[in-house]
Amino acid sequence: MTNLKIKLLLVTVSLLTVSACGQDAEEHQEAPSSSIAETHAEQARDDHADDEHGDEHGESAEVHLSQDQIDELGIAISPVARGAVDGVIELPAEVGFDQNHLAHVSPRVSGIVRSVAVAEGDRVEAGDVLAVLNSRPLADAKASYLSARARLDLAESSFEREERLWERQISAEQDFLDARRALEEARIEVRSAGQQLDALGVDVSSLPRMVASSDESLTRYELAAPISGTIIERHAVLGEVLEEGAQPPAFIVADTDSVWVDAAIYGADLGRIRSGAPVSIDPGDGGPPIESTIDFVSPQIGERTRTGRARIVIENPGDRLRPGMFVTVFAAASDAQPTVRVPVTALQTVDGETVVFVRSADGFEVREVRLGRRSDRFAEILSGVSLGEMIATTETFSLKAELQKGEFDDGHAH
């Protein structure tokens, strides 16, 4: 009996122990469920608070500035464009004259400078007289032409007379043939003398008027501008003897409304630069970059520099680029993928969000953007602004300061 009681007592204790453990397990399981519910409730409250915060900023903030204030702050405005973000090659470059719009002006005949009508920096139009020379060789050439013209007039008269006489059977046929030969020789002589004057830049049609006028001299040679542009060099001096094809030239005229930008391509990048590739040129003046494309990639390597050359032809109104300047060219490599991009200088962080400043009627609208790839110079835009929208690309920290100033003063953005 005693042993049986002991066994019954042990079984009872075991059952009580198992029951207690089960209750502890249930309580342990219920506790996390309650904790999870509380966590969800807290998240819901946070989300609601975030929604309320978002509603407060639902309207786009603006920075109100006049055009004069924008100019005073030095803010550059450019359109959102397509281009490469990565795969951009930085190239050193130099601005030069467009050789298709440059003229070396030298006399075609030797002479003494009698007057100079222009100075360096003067703007001239094609045909304007730059200097006047006294030229003895020119006078000889003009005299030869005038003599040939006089002989031609005489030969024409003789031929007409002999032709009438021969038709009437009054003169011999040989006289008629001799007159016709003399006429042809006179015509050849006039044509030759005229071509010589044309090579000297003289309009032969002006010679009869010149002979009739006592004020005109056969020695007068006018040195005229062949193109419109600016006098960038003048070497003609009053009283100086200028020889034909003199070097340096008497004048150099350049039209700087178009310039060449020659960029150096180093060995590793020679195979990655192609004609037609988009480029961005930074003149280093703090203004917006100049967007263009490569016009020509030379197949030749420079013997001295051992670099290739890419040329960009730039329309240059306002002379922002000046020949002799060194600039930086950022060219898209042939393997670069174009996308919607903005300069990184256009980006600012406001309330933890990346924004750009979009030009509006009263200043700038603060626009949140979502970025993709990013490099040292550009950032890909996934959303927020569209192609062609005008945004501030420089001095955007000034706009951010104006925005924060407005929030501090008024409790909200302008």
Protein backbone atom coordinates (compact mmCIF):
# COMPACT_ATOMS: atom_id res chain seq x y z
CA MET A 1 0.00 0.00 0.00
CA THR A 2 2.68 2.36 0.89
CA ASN A 3 4.39 1.92 -2.45
CA LEU A 4 1.10 2.40 -4.28
CA LYS A 5 0.41 5.66 -2.47
CA ILE A 6 3.85 6.93 -3.30
CA LYS A 7 3.34 6.18 -7.01
CA LEU A 8 -0.04 7.91 -7.03
CA LEU A 9 1.49 10.95 -5.38
CA LEU A 10 4.28 11.15 -8.00
CA VAL A 11 1.77 10.94 -10.88
CA THR A 12 -0.32 13.73 -9.35
CA VAL A 13 2.75 16.00 -8.99
CA SER A 14 3.75 15.34 -12.63
CA LEU A 15 0.30 16.27 -13.90
CA LEU A 16 0.29 19.48 -11.91
CA THR A 17 3.72 20.39 -13.28
CA VAL A 18 2.64 19.82 -16.92
CA SER A 19 -0.48 21.90 -16.40
CA ALA A 20 1.52 24.81 -14.97
CA CYS A 21 3.94 24.71 -17.87
CA GLY A 22 1.07 24.83 -20.37
CA GLN A 23 -0.38 27.94 -18.77
CA ASP A 24 3.00 29.65 -18.82
CA ALA A 25 3.37 28.82 -22.52
CA GLU A 26 -0.07 30.24 -23.31
CA GLU A 27 0.69 33.42 -21.40
CA HIS A 28 4.04 33.63 -23.18
CA GLN A 29 2.32 33.29 -26.58
CA GLU A 30 -0.35 35.87 -25.78
CA ALA A 31 2.20 38.45 -24.69
CA PRO A 32 3.84 38.81 -28.15
CA SER A 33 0.44 39.04 -29.81
CA SER A 34 -0.43 41.95 -27.59
CA SER A 35 2.98 43.53 -28.25
CA ILE A 36 2.51 43.19 -32.03
CA ALA A 37 -0.90 44.83 -31.84
CA GLU A 38 0.57 47.71 -29.90
CA THR A 39 3.39 48.03 -32.44
CA HIS A 40 0.88 48.15 -35.34
CA ALA A 41 -1.07 50.80 -33.52
CA GLU A 42 2.06 52.89 -33.05
CA GLN A 43 2.94 52.52 -36.75
CA ALA A 44 -0.55 53.58 -37.72
CA ARG A 45 -0.25 56.64 -35.51
CA ASP A 46 3.16 57.42 -37.07
CA ASP A 47 1.77 56.96 -40.60
CA HIS A 48 -1.13 59.24 -39.75
CA ALA A 49 1.31 61.79 -38.38
CA ASP A 50 3.39 61.47 -41.57
CA ASP A 51 0.25 61.95 -43.66
CA GLU A 52 -0.61 65.03 -41.69
CA HIS A 53 2.96 66.26 -42.16
CA GLY A 54 2.69 65.58 -45.89
CA ASP A 55 -0.57 67.49 -46.06
CA GLU A 56 1.07 70.46 -44.45
CA HIS A 57 3.63 70.51 -47.31
CA GLY A 58 1.24 69.41 -50.05
CA GLU A 59 1.45 72.78 -51.74
CA SER A 60 4.75 73.47 -53.50
CA ALA A 61 6.91 76.02 -51.75
CA GLU A 62 8.06 79.02 -53.75
CA VAL A 63 10.84 81.56 -53.61
CA HIS A 64 9.64 84.94 -54.86
CA LEU A 65 12.36 86.87 -56.70
CA SER A 66 12.30 89.49 -59.41
CA GLN A 67 14.47 89.19 -62.53
CA ASP A 68 16.75 91.91 -61.16
CA GLN A 69 17.23 89.93 -57.93
CA ILE A 70 17.92 86.76 -59.94
CA ASP A 71 20.55 88.59 -61.96
CA GLU A 72 22.06 90.10 -58.82
CA LEU A 73 22.42 86.67 -57.23
CA GLY A 74 24.08 85.36 -60.41
CA ILE A 75 21.58 82.51 -60.85
CA ALA A 76 21.85 80.76 -64.20
CA ILE A 77 18.72 79.19 -65.67
CA SER A 78 18.84 76.30 -68.14
CA PRO A 79 16.36 73.77 -69.52
CA VAL A 80 16.25 70.18 -68.33
CA ALA A 81 17.89 68.19 -71.12
CA ARG A 82 18.96 64.72 -72.14
CA GLY A 83 22.55 63.58 -71.91
CA ALA A 84 24.93 61.09 -70.40
CA VAL A 85 25.29 60.95 -66.62
CA ASP A 86 28.22 58.57 -66.43
CA GLY A 87 30.58 57.73 -69.25
CA VAL A 88 31.46 61.42 -69.64
CA ILE A 89 35.06 62.19 -70.62
CA GLU A 90 36.71 65.42 -69.48
CA LEU A 91 38.90 67.01 -72.16
CA PRO A 92 41.10 70.12 -72.04
CA ALA A 93 40.40 72.46 -74.95
CA GLU A 94 41.37 75.80 -76.46
CA VAL A 95 39.18 78.31 -78.28
CA GLY A 96 40.43 79.45 -81.67
CA PHE A 97 39.28 81.51 -84.62
CA ASP A 98 36.95 79.88 -87.09
CA GLN A 99 39.30 79.70 -90.07
CA ASN A 100 36.32 79.95 -92.40
CA HIS A 101 35.65 83.42 -90.97
CA LEU A 102 39.22 84.76 -90.83
CA ALA A 103 40.99 86.85 -93.49
CA HIS A 104 44.61 87.95 -93.93
CA VAL A 105 44.54 91.19 -95.91
CA SER A 106 47.67 92.04 -97.90
CA PRO A 107 48.10 94.08 -101.09
CA ARG A 108 48.36 92.21 -104.38
CA VAL A 109 50.81 94.79 -105.67
CA SER A 110 53.59 96.70 -103.97
CA GLY A 111 53.00 100.29 -102.94
CA ILE A 112 53.48 103.01 -100.33
CA VAL A 113 50.82 103.41 -97.63
CA ARG A 114 49.17 106.78 -98.16
CA SER A 115 46.39 106.49 -95.55
CA VAL A 116 45.00 104.00 -93.02
CA ALA A 117 41.28 104.12 -92.24
CA VAL A 118 40.94 101.60 -89.37
CA ALA A 119 42.52 100.59 -86.09
CA GLU A 120 42.59 97.36 -84.11
CA GLY A 121 39.20 96.61 -82.62
CA ASP A 122 37.23 98.42 -85.32
CA ARG A 123 34.24 96.65 -86.81
CA VAL A 124 34.25 96.60 -90.62
CA GLU A 125 31.93 95.35 -93.33
CA ALA A 126 32.95 93.45 -96.43
CA GLY A 127 34.16 95.95 -99.05
CA ASP A 128 35.15 98.68 -96.60
CA VAL A 129 38.44 100.40 -97.50
CA LEU A 130 41.09 99.65 -94.87
CA ALA A 131 44.01 101.55 -96.41
CA VAL A 132 45.01 103.39 -99.58
CA LEU A 133 48.39 102.83 -101.30
CA ASN A 134 50.28 104.62 -104.08
CA SER A 135 51.51 101.93 -106.47
CA ARG A 136 53.65 102.53 -109.55
CA PRO A 137 53.28 98.91 -110.80
CA LEU A 138 49.51 99.32 -110.54
CA ALA A 139 49.66 102.50 -112.58
CA ASP A 140 51.61 100.66 -115.28
CA ALA A 141 49.05 97.85 -115.32
CA LYS A 142 46.16 100.33 -115.59
CA ALA A 143 47.94 102.23 -118.39
CA SER A 144 48.49 98.99 -120.28
CA TYR A 145 44.80 98.17 -120.05
CA LEU A 146 43.73 101.64 -121.18
CA SER A 147 46.14 101.48 -124.12
CA ALA A 148 44.80 98.10 -125.10
CA ARG A 149 41.24 99.46 -124.94
CA ALA A 150 42.20 102.37 -127.19
CA ARG A 151 43.78 100.02 -129.74
CA LEU A 152 40.68 97.84 -129.62
CA ASP A 153 38.42 100.80 -130.36
CA LEU A 154 40.66 101.71 -133.33
CA ALA A 155 40.74 98.11 -134.56
CA GLU A 156 36.95 97.89 -134.41
CA SER A 157 36.58 101.07 -136.49
CA SER A 158 39.12 99.84 -139.06
CA PHE A 159 37.44 96.46 -139.34
CA GLU A 160 33.98 97.99 -139.85
CA ARG A 161 35.34 100.25 -142.62
CA GLU A 162 37.22 97.45 -144.37
CA GLU A 163 34.19 95.18 -144.08
CA ARG A 164 31.97 97.76 -145.86
CA LEU A 165 34.59 98.35 -148.57
CA TRP A 166 35.12 94.64 -149.17
CA GLU A 167 31.34 94.04 -149.41
CA ARG A 168 31.17 96.76 -152.09
CA GLN A 169 34.16 95.23 -153.86
CA ILE A 170 36.11 98.48 -153.38
CA SER A 171 39.02 97.10 -151.31
CA ALA A 172 40.97 93.87 -151.57
CA GLU A 173 39.97 90.83 -149.55
CA GLN A 174 43.43 90.76 -147.98
CA ASP A 175 42.86 94.20 -146.44
CA PHE A 176 39.63 92.92 -144.95
CA LEU A 177 41.36 89.83 -143.51
CA ASP A 178 44.18 91.94 -142.07
CA ALA A 179 41.64 94.22 -140.32
CA ARG A 180 39.83 91.22 -138.86
CA ARG A 181 43.09 89.74 -137.56
CA ALA A 182 44.06 93.08 -135.98
CA LEU A 183 40.65 93.24 -134.28
CA GLU A 184 41.05 89.76 -132.75
CA GLU A 185 44.56 90.58 -131.54
CA ALA A 186 43.28 93.80 -129.92
CA ARG A 187 40.50 91.89 -128.18
CA ILE A 188 43.01 89.34 -126.80
CA GLU A 189 45.25 92.15 -125.60
CA VAL A 190 42.37 93.86 -123.76
CA ARG A 191 41.28 90.57 -122.19
CA SER A 192 44.82 89.85 -121.00
CA ALA A 193 45.30 93.34 -119.52
CA GLY A 194 41.89 93.15 -117.86
CA GLN A 195 42.68 89.79 -116.25
CA GLN A 196 45.93 91.23 -114.91
CA LEU A 197 44.02 94.06 -113.24
CA ASP A 198 41.41 91.63 -111.94
CA ALA A 199 44.20 89.63 -110.32
CA LEU A 200 45.29 92.84 -108.59
CA GLY A 201 41.77 93.41 -107.29
CA VAL A 202 40.94 96.30 -109.61
CA ASP A 203 37.48 96.67 -111.14
CA VAL A 204 38.18 97.45 -114.81
CA SER A 205 34.74 99.00 -115.23
CA SER A 206 35.88 101.88 -113.01
CA LEU A 207 38.85 102.82 -115.23
CA PRO A 208 36.98 104.95 -117.80
CA ARG A 209 35.53 107.03 -114.98
CA MET A 210 38.96 107.27 -113.43
CA VAL A 211 40.49 108.64 -116.67
CA ALA A 212 37.69 111.18 -117.05
CA SER A 213 38.21 112.48 -113.51
CA SER A 214 41.21 114.65 -112.87
CA ASP A 215 41.01 113.83 -109.13
CA GLU A 216 41.65 110.10 -109.59
CA SER A 217 45.16 108.76 -109.87
CA LEU A 218 46.26 105.63 -111.71
CA THR A 219 48.55 104.87 -108.77
CA ARG A 220 45.68 104.66 -106.23
CA TYR A 221 45.25 101.16 -104.78
CA GLU A 222 42.49 100.51 -102.25
CA LEU A 223 43.00 97.69 -99.77
CA ALA A 224 39.48 96.49 -98.89
CA ALA A 225 38.07 94.06 -96.29
CA PRO A 226 37.09 90.75 -97.91
CA ILE A 227 34.72 89.79 -95.05
CA SER A 228 32.78 91.48 -92.29
CA GLY A 229 34.33 91.29 -88.87
CA THR A 230 36.71 92.93 -86.43
CA ILE A 231 40.24 94.16 -87.07
CA ILE A 232 42.26 91.99 -84.71
CA GLU A 233 45.70 92.90 -86.08
CA ARG A 234 47.01 95.94 -88.00
CA HIS A 235 50.53 96.13 -89.38
CA ALA A 236 50.09 98.82 -92.05
CA VAL A 237 51.83 102.08 -91.09
CA LEU A 238 51.61 105.41 -92.90
CA GLY A 239 54.52 105.79 -95.34
CA GLU A 240 55.49 102.12 -95.17
CA VAL A 241 56.29 100.22 -98.36
CA LEU A 242 54.09 97.14 -98.53
CA GLU A 243 55.20 94.37 -100.84
CA GLU A 244 52.90 91.95 -102.59
CA GLY A 245 51.92 89.14 -100.18
CA ALA A 246 53.81 90.79 -97.31
CA GLN A 247 54.09 88.90 -94.01
CA PRO A 248 52.80 89.66 -91.50
CA PRO A 249 49.73 90.78 -93.44
CA ALA A 250 48.73 94.43 -93.39
CA PHE A 251 45.48 93.54 -91.56
CA ILE A 252 43.77 90.49 -90.08
CA VAL A 253 39.98 90.53 -90.01
CA ALA A 254 38.04 87.98 -87.95
CA ASP A 255 34.36 87.29 -87.48
CA THR A 256 34.12 85.92 -83.93
CA ASP A 257 30.39 85.18 -84.13
CA SER A 258 31.62 81.66 -84.83
CA VAL A 259 34.65 80.03 -83.14
CA TRP A 260 36.37 76.66 -83.05
CA VAL A 261 36.90 74.74 -79.82
CA ASP A 262 39.67 72.16 -80.24
CA ALA A 263 39.76 69.50 -77.52
CA ALA A 264 42.72 67.20 -76.86
CA ILE A 265 41.94 63.47 -76.70
CA TYR A 266 44.40 61.29 -74.84
CA GLY A 267 45.31 57.75 -75.85
CA ALA A 268 42.94 55.81 -73.59
CA ASP A 269 39.93 57.79 -74.84
CA LEU A 270 40.73 57.93 -78.57
CA GLY A 271 38.37 55.06 -79.35
CA ARG A 272 35.51 56.43 -77.23
CA ILE A 273 35.01 59.83 -78.87
CA ARG A 274 32.92 60.06 -82.04
CA SER A 275 31.74 62.84 -84.34
CA GLY A 276 28.23 63.91 -83.40
CA ALA A 277 28.68 63.10 -79.71
CA PRO A 278 27.02 65.63 -77.39
CA VAL A 279 29.37 67.85 -75.41
CA SER A 280 29.08 70.37 -72.61
CA ILE A 281 31.61 73.21 -72.61
CA ASP A 282 32.50 74.97 -69.36
CA PRO A 283 34.08 78.37 -70.09
CA GLY A 284 34.94 78.81 -66.40
CA ASP A 285 33.06 82.11 -66.09
CA GLY A 286 30.43 80.85 -63.66
CA GLY A 287 27.70 80.85 -66.31
CA PRO A 288 25.75 77.88 -67.63
CA PRO A 289 27.61 75.37 -69.80
CA ILE A 290 27.42 75.61 -73.58
CA GLU A 291 25.77 72.56 -75.10
CA SER A 292 26.84 71.41 -78.56
CA THR A 293 28.09 68.40 -80.52
CA ILE A 294 31.45 67.32 -81.91
CA ASP A 295 31.79 68.32 -85.57
CA PHE A 296 35.04 66.59 -86.42
CA VAL A 297 37.45 64.07 -84.90
CA SER A 298 40.86 64.16 -86.53
CA PRO A 299 42.22 60.77 -87.63
CA GLN A 300 45.74 62.10 -87.05
CA ILE A 301 47.70 62.05 -83.79
CA GLY A 302 49.63 65.21 -82.98
CA GLU A 303 53.33 64.63 -83.57
CA ARG A 304 54.38 66.83 -80.65
CA THR A 305 51.50 66.31 -78.20
CA ARG A 306 50.70 62.68 -79.09
CA THR A 307 47.01 63.43 -78.63
CA GLY A 308 43.99 63.32 -80.91
CA ARG A 309 41.83 66.34 -81.65
CA ALA A 310 38.07 66.88 -81.57
CA ARG A 311 36.67 70.10 -83.01
CA ILE A 312 33.43 71.78 -81.98
CA VAL A 313 32.10 74.72 -84.03
CA ILE A 314 30.28 77.13 -81.73
CA GLU A 315 27.96 79.99 -82.63
CA ASN A 316 29.32 82.71 -80.37
CA PRO A 317 27.05 85.75 -80.17
CA GLY A 318 28.17 88.10 -77.44
CA ASP A 319 31.77 86.81 -77.60
CA ARG A 320 31.41 84.63 -74.51
CA LEU A 321 34.15 82.44 -75.95
CA ARG A 322 37.28 84.31 -77.00
CA PRO A 323 40.07 82.86 -79.12
CA GLY A 324 42.99 81.89 -76.92
CA MET A 325 40.81 80.90 -73.94
CA PHE A 326 41.29 77.53 -72.30
CA VAL A 327 38.03 75.72 -71.54
CA THR A 328 36.93 72.28 -70.38
CA VAL A 329 34.89 70.02 -72.62
CA PHE A 330 32.80 67.19 -71.19
CA ALA A 331 32.07 64.74 -73.99
CA ALA A 332 29.76 61.74 -73.90
CA ALA A 333 31.66 58.54 -74.63
CA SER A 334 30.38 56.29 -77.41
CA ASP A 335 29.24 53.75 -74.80
CA ALA A 336 27.37 56.31 -72.65
CA GLN A 337 23.58 56.06 -72.41
CA PRO A 338 21.67 59.38 -72.63
CA THR A 339 18.94 60.07 -70.09
CA VAL A 340 17.08 63.00 -68.55
CA ARG A 341 19.63 64.77 -66.40
CA VAL A 342 20.38 67.97 -64.48
CA PRO A 343 23.68 69.38 -63.23
CA VAL A 344 24.41 68.46 -59.63
CA THR A 345 24.73 72.17 -58.94
CA ALA A 346 20.95 72.37 -59.49
CA LEU A 347 20.23 70.02 -56.57
CA GLN A 348 19.59 71.02 -52.98
CA THR A 349 18.25 69.20 -49.92
CA VAL A 350 15.19 70.69 -48.20
CA ASP A 351 13.54 68.91 -45.25
CA GLY A 352 15.49 65.78 -46.08
CA GLU A 353 14.26 65.71 -49.70
CA THR A 354 16.21 66.39 -52.90
CA VAL A 355 14.74 69.33 -54.77
CA VAL A 356 15.35 71.58 -57.77
CA PHE A 357 14.15 75.14 -58.27
CA VAL A 358 11.85 75.45 -61.28
CA ARG A 359 11.44 78.90 -62.81
CA SER A 360 7.98 80.35 -62.28
CA ALA A 361 6.29 83.66 -63.04
CA ASP A 362 7.18 85.07 -59.62
CA GLY A 363 10.50 83.38 -59.00
CA PHE A 364 11.10 79.68 -58.43
CA GLU A 365 8.98 76.72 -57.42
CA VAL A 366 10.62 74.18 -55.12
CA ARG A 367 10.13 70.80 -56.81
CA GLU A 368 10.99 67.45 -55.22
CA VAL A 369 12.76 65.06 -57.59
CA ARG A 370 13.69 61.40 -57.56
CA LEU A 371 17.24 60.62 -58.68
CA GLY A 372 18.79 57.68 -60.45
CA ARG A 373 22.45 57.47 -61.38
CA ARG A 374 24.75 60.25 -60.34
CA SER A 375 28.24 61.41 -61.26
CA ASP A 376 30.44 64.31 -60.23
CA ARG A 377 28.65 66.66 -62.65
CA PHE A 378 25.21 65.26 -63.47
CA ALA A 379 22.33 63.41 -61.87
CA GLU A 380 19.69 61.32 -63.61
CA ILE A 381 16.11 62.47 -63.05
CA LEU A 382 13.56 59.68 -62.68
CA SER A 383 10.64 61.94 -61.78
CA GLY A 384 9.80 65.44 -60.63
CA VAL A 385 10.71 67.57 -63.65
CA SER A 386 10.30 67.12 -67.39
CA LEU A 387 12.44 67.79 -70.43
CA GLY A 388 12.54 71.47 -71.32
CA GLU A 389 11.48 72.84 -67.95
CA MET A 390 13.65 75.78 -66.94
CA ILE A 391 15.52 75.30 -63.67
CA ALA A 392 18.18 77.12 -61.70
CA THR A 393 21.55 75.49 -62.30
CA THR A 394 23.92 77.73 -60.33
CA GLU A 395 23.81 79.57 -56.99
CA THR A 396 20.96 77.30 -55.84
CA PHE A 397 22.24 77.51 -52.28
CA SER A 398 21.19 81.17 -52.41
CA LEU A 399 17.66 80.06 -53.30
CA LYS A 400 17.69 77.57 -50.45
CA ALA A 401 18.80 80.33 -48.09
CA GLU A 402 15.96 82.56 -49.34
CA LEU A 403 13.51 79.70 -48.81
CA GLN A 404 14.71 79.05 -45.26
CA LYS A 405 14.68 82.76 -44.54
CA GLY A 406 11.03 82.89 -45.59
CA GLU A 407 10.17 79.92 -43.35
CA PHE A 408 11.92 81.57 -40.43
CA ASP A 409 10.20 84.91 -40.93
CA ASP A 410 6.71 83.77 -41.83
CA GLY A 411 6.49 80.27 -40.46
CA HIS A 412 6.03 78.89 -44.01
CA ALA A 413 7.72 78.95 -47.39
CA HIS A 414 7.03 81.83 -49.72
